[in-house]
Protein backbone atom coordinates (compact mmCIF):
# COMPACT_ATOMS: atom_id res chain seq x y z
CA MET A 1 -19.46 1.30 9.61
CA GLU A 2 -17.53 -0.85 12.06
CA HIS A 3 -13.79 -1.02 11.82
CA PRO A 4 -11.30 -3.29 13.60
CA PHE A 5 -9.92 -0.65 15.98
CA GLN A 6 -13.18 0.92 17.17
CA ASN A 7 -13.10 -0.84 20.56
CA SER A 8 -9.34 -0.54 21.06
CA GLU A 9 -7.42 1.94 23.17
CA PRO A 10 -5.29 4.48 21.22
CA THR A 11 -2.11 2.62 22.24
CA VAL A 12 -3.28 -0.37 20.17
CA THR A 13 -3.38 1.77 17.02
CA VAL A 14 0.16 2.96 17.80
CA LEU A 15 1.29 -0.68 18.15
CA TYR A 16 -0.35 -1.52 14.82
CA GLU A 17 1.39 1.39 13.08
CA LYS A 18 4.77 0.32 14.50
CA LEU A 19 4.16 -3.28 13.43
CA MET A 20 3.08 -2.25 9.93
CA LYS A 21 6.17 -0.07 9.50
CA GLN A 22 8.21 -3.28 9.91
CA VAL A 23 5.88 -5.44 7.79
CA LYS A 24 6.06 -2.99 4.87
CA THR A 25 9.85 -3.52 4.70
CA LEU A 26 9.21 -7.15 3.65
CA GLY A 27 8.08 -6.14 0.16
CA LYS A 28 4.80 -5.79 -1.71
CA ILE A 29 1.79 -6.35 0.54
CA THR A 30 -1.95 -5.82 0.42
CA VAL A 31 -3.77 -4.62 3.55
CA GLU A 32 -7.39 -5.76 3.81
CA PRO A 33 -9.34 -4.33 6.74
CA LYS A 34 -12.19 -6.59 7.85
CA LYS A 35 -14.91 -6.05 10.47
CA THR A 36 -12.81 -7.30 13.41
CA SER A 37 -9.34 -7.79 11.94
CA VAL A 38 -6.86 -6.77 9.26
CA HIS A 39 -5.50 -9.32 6.80
CA ILE A 40 -2.02 -8.71 5.44
CA LYS A 41 -1.45 -10.47 2.14
CA HIS A 42 1.35 -11.24 -0.28
CA ARG A 43 -0.46 -13.33 -2.89
CA ALA A 44 -2.27 -14.95 0.06
CA ALA A 45 -2.75 -13.90 3.68
CA PHE A 46 0.36 -14.43 5.79
CA LEU A 47 -0.65 -12.34 8.79
CA GLY A 48 -3.93 -11.68 10.53
CA VAL A 49 -4.00 -8.73 12.95
CA HIS A 50 -6.80 -8.86 15.53
CA PRO A 51 -7.08 -5.64 17.57
CA LYS A 52 -8.30 -6.16 21.12
CA LYS A 53 -9.00 -3.51 23.76
CA LYS A 54 -5.41 -3.32 25.06
CA TRP A 55 -3.30 -5.42 22.65
CA LEU A 56 -2.98 -6.98 19.20
CA ASP A 57 -3.34 -10.69 18.57
CA LEU A 58 -1.34 -11.76 15.53
CA ASN A 59 -2.10 -14.87 13.53
CA ILE A 60 1.12 -15.74 11.68
CA VAL A 61 0.80 -18.31 8.88
CA THR A 62 3.70 -20.77 8.59
CA ASP A 63 4.37 -24.22 7.14
CA THR A 64 5.62 -25.58 10.48
CA PRO A 65 4.62 -24.63 14.03
CA ILE A 66 6.65 -21.82 15.60
CA LYS A 67 8.35 -23.22 18.70
CA SER A 68 8.43 -20.36 21.20
CA ALA A 69 6.99 -19.48 24.58
CA LYS A 70 5.68 -16.31 22.90
CA VAL A 71 3.28 -18.38 20.78
CA LEU A 72 0.07 -18.71 22.80
CA LYS A 73 -1.60 -21.21 20.47
CA THR A 74 -0.77 -23.07 17.27
CA GLU A 75 -3.50 -24.46 15.06
CA GLN A 76 -2.91 -26.71 12.06
CA VAL A 77 -5.34 -25.49 9.41
CA SER A 78 -4.24 -27.75 6.55
CA LYS A 79 -1.56 -30.30 5.71
CA SER A 80 1.21 -27.69 5.54
CA ARG A 81 -0.28 -24.54 7.11
CA TYR A 82 -0.25 -23.47 10.73
CA HIS A 83 -1.71 -20.41 12.42
CA ASN A 84 0.49 -19.24 15.28
CA LEU A 85 -1.10 -16.84 17.78
CA VAL A 86 1.25 -14.18 19.20
CA ARG A 87 0.12 -11.34 21.46
CA ILE A 88 1.63 -7.86 21.10
CA ALA A 89 0.90 -5.73 24.17
CA SER A 90 3.74 -3.20 24.06
CA PRO A 91 6.30 -1.82 21.58
CA GLU A 92 8.90 -4.06 23.25
CA ASP A 93 6.98 -7.09 21.93
CA ILE A 94 7.86 -6.10 18.35
CA THR A 95 11.21 -7.87 18.36
CA PRO A 96 13.70 -9.12 15.76
CA GLU A 97 12.46 -12.63 16.60
CA LEU A 98 8.88 -11.61 15.70
CA PHE A 99 10.12 -9.94 12.52
CA GLY A 100 11.88 -13.20 11.60
CA TRP A 101 8.59 -15.08 11.89
CA LEU A 102 6.81 -12.48 9.77
CA LYS A 103 9.56 -12.70 7.17
CA GLN A 104 9.20 -16.51 7.14
CA ALA A 105 5.42 -16.16 6.65
CA TYR A 106 5.86 -13.55 3.89
CA THR A 107 8.41 -15.74 2.09
CA LEU A 108 6.10 -18.74 2.33
CA MET A 109 3.44 -16.81 0.41
CA SER A 110 6.02 -15.76 -2.21
CA ASN A 111 6.51 -19.33 -3.39
């Protein structure tokens, strides 16, 4: 069976584990592995993790676009939902700023 990390370098799994350690501090979550990604849910998905060969692409769900140079792409998916693409290539990319965005996304799905 395929799994999302099968084509990734071992460092990508380490990044994912570090990221998830932070995400789990937000509260109750559900982790749903898919064929090419992992959906992190709190009532609804607030984070999509897309493992690539050398990095993780994160899709953070918010109600307004995240204004930051770290956001590679923002896509409006409905009237009040945005997907914000952030690339994590090293442990240094897992910053308090990123955690703030994840907390915002988690809180959005709590309401």
